[in-house]
Protein backbone atom coordinates (compact mmCIF):
# COMPACT_ATOMS: atom_id res chain seq x y z
CA MET A 1 0.00 0.00 0.00
CA THR A 2 1.13 3.51 -0.65
CA GLN A 3 1.05 6.32 1.85
CA PRO A 4 -2.19 7.88 0.50
CA GLU A 5 -3.94 4.52 0.88
CA LEU A 6 -2.85 4.26 4.50
CA PHE A 7 -3.29 7.85 5.66
CA ILE A 8 -5.65 10.74 5.03
CA GLU A 9 -3.55 13.79 4.10
CA ARG A 10 -4.26 17.20 5.69
CA ALA A 11 -2.02 20.26 5.30
CA ALA A 12 -1.48 22.83 8.07
CA GLY A 13 1.05 25.57 7.37
CA ASN A 14 4.43 24.04 6.54
CA LEU A 15 3.40 20.68 8.06
CA THR A 16 1.43 17.93 6.43
CA PHE A 17 -0.48 15.60 8.73
CA PHE A 18 -1.38 12.08 7.72
CA ASP A 19 -4.25 10.79 9.86
CA ALA A 20 -4.94 7.08 9.92
CA PRO A 21 -8.36 5.87 8.84
CA ASP A 22 -10.93 5.37 11.60
CA HIS A 23 -10.11 1.69 11.98
CA ILE A 24 -6.61 2.61 13.27
CA PRO A 25 -7.30 5.08 16.10
CA GLY A 26 -4.62 7.40 17.47
CA VAL A 27 -2.11 7.03 14.65
CA ARG A 28 -0.76 10.22 13.10
CA LYS A 29 2.46 11.27 11.46
CA MET A 30 3.64 14.70 10.39
CA VAL A 31 6.22 15.70 7.80
CA LEU A 32 7.53 19.06 6.65
CA ALA A 33 6.64 19.92 3.08
CA ASP A 34 10.30 19.86 1.97
CA MET A 35 10.71 16.34 3.39
CA MET A 36 7.79 14.76 1.53
CA GLY A 37 8.86 11.37 0.24
CA GLN A 38 11.72 11.19 2.76
CA PRO A 39 10.13 11.50 6.18
CA PRO A 40 12.09 10.79 9.33
CA ALA A 41 11.67 7.40 10.97
CA ASN A 42 8.54 8.26 12.93
CA GLY A 43 7.49 11.71 11.68
CA THR A 44 7.34 13.35 15.11
CA PRO A 45 8.46 16.98 15.46
CA THR A 46 11.59 15.91 17.39
CA SER A 47 12.44 13.33 14.72
CA ILE A 48 11.99 15.94 11.98
CA ALA A 49 14.21 18.38 13.90
CA ALA A 50 16.88 15.70 14.34
CA ALA A 51 16.81 14.89 10.61
CA ASP A 52 17.20 18.57 9.73
CA ALA A 53 20.06 18.98 12.22
CA ILE A 54 22.05 16.01 10.89
CA LYS A 55 21.69 16.90 7.16
CA PRO A 56 24.84 19.09 6.94
CA CYS A 57 27.14 16.39 8.34
CA ALA A 58 25.37 13.16 7.30
CA ASP A 59 27.71 12.57 4.34
CA THR A 60 30.81 12.85 6.53
CA LEU A 61 29.36 10.60 9.22
CA ARG A 62 28.28 8.05 6.60
CA ALA A 63 31.79 8.07 5.14
CA ARG A 64 33.29 7.45 8.60
CA VAL A 65 31.01 4.45 9.16
CA LEU A 66 31.82 3.03 5.71
CA GLU A 67 35.56 3.58 6.22
CA TYR A 68 35.46 1.73 9.54
CA ILE A 69 33.47 -1.21 8.14
CA ARG A 70 35.82 -1.43 5.13
CA ALA A 71 38.87 -1.42 7.44
CA GLN A 72 37.52 -4.50 9.22
CA GLY A 73 37.71 -6.50 5.99
CA LYS A 74 35.95 -9.86 5.92
CA ASN A 75 35.42 -9.70 9.70
CA GLY A 76 33.10 -6.74 9.27
CA ALA A 77 31.61 -4.86 12.20
CA THR A 78 28.45 -4.75 14.26
CA ASP A 79 26.66 -1.48 14.93
CA ASP A 80 27.91 -1.70 18.51
CA GLU A 81 31.53 -2.07 17.35
CA CYS A 82 31.17 0.89 14.96
CA GLN A 83 29.68 3.05 17.70
CA ALA A 84 32.44 2.19 20.17
CA ALA A 85 35.28 2.66 17.67
CA LEU A 86 33.95 5.90 16.21
CA GLY A 87 32.64 7.39 19.45
CA MET A 88 29.29 7.76 17.75
CA GLY A 89 25.92 7.27 19.42
CA GLY A 90 23.53 4.68 18.11
CA SER A 91 21.01 7.29 16.97
CA THR A 92 23.71 8.77 14.73
CA GLN A 93 25.55 5.65 13.55
CA ARG A 94 22.63 3.30 12.91
CA PRO A 95 20.84 5.56 10.38
CA ARG A 96 24.14 6.06 8.51
CA ARG A 97 24.62 2.25 8.36
CA ILE A 98 21.05 1.84 7.10
CA GLU A 99 21.75 4.42 4.37
CA LEU A 100 24.93 2.57 3.38
CA PHE A 101 22.96 -0.68 3.15
CA GLN A 102 20.25 1.00 1.04
CA GLN A 103 22.97 2.38 -1.25
CA GLY A 104 24.39 -1.13 -1.71
CA LYS A 105 27.77 -0.23 -0.19
CA ILE A 106 27.54 -2.74 2.64
CA CYS A 107 25.71 -6.01 3.21
CA MET A 108 24.90 -8.28 6.12
CA ALA A 109 27.50 -10.99 6.70
CA PRO A 110 26.41 -14.59 7.30
CA MET A 111 27.66 -14.37 10.89
CA MET A 112 26.67 -12.63 14.11
CA ARG A 113 28.70 -11.44 17.10
CA LYS A 114 27.97 -10.49 20.68
CA THR A 115 27.65 -6.84 21.58
CA ARG A 116 29.16 -5.31 24.72
CA SER A 117 25.91 -6.16 26.50
CA GLY A 118 26.17 -9.81 25.45
CA ARG A 119 23.38 -9.80 22.87
CA MET A 120 23.87 -11.20 19.39
CA ALA A 121 24.08 -8.67 16.58
CA ASN A 122 24.34 -8.66 12.80
CA VAL A 123 27.76 -8.11 11.28
CA TRP A 124 28.09 -5.75 8.31
CA VAL A 125 30.78 -5.97 5.60
CA ALA A 126 31.67 -3.66 2.73
CA VAL A 127 30.63 -4.79 -0.76
């Protein structure tokens, strides 16, 4: 389904609201007009503000994540390892890794490794 099929569009100033149909009560997302087609993860005002704030340095941060993953060779890296090595928070690193995956620059390795907290995590390798 496309966005118009899922949500009822309503504009208000520079924001566009997408209200869910009646059978899905309480669901709403908002996006700025200039972000249509590329909304933040959840469309909340704080998420939109975070996306706007990161735009100027996203390319540099993405390059740092890719460089680190490439440097790990066939061993790759988990998100946790990238975050620790680069001193980057998860809310900054993870979206950059997702973008790299969507661009086809990295892929998921057939292995997993434990994070610092002992949980298993996907390993990412450069293509």
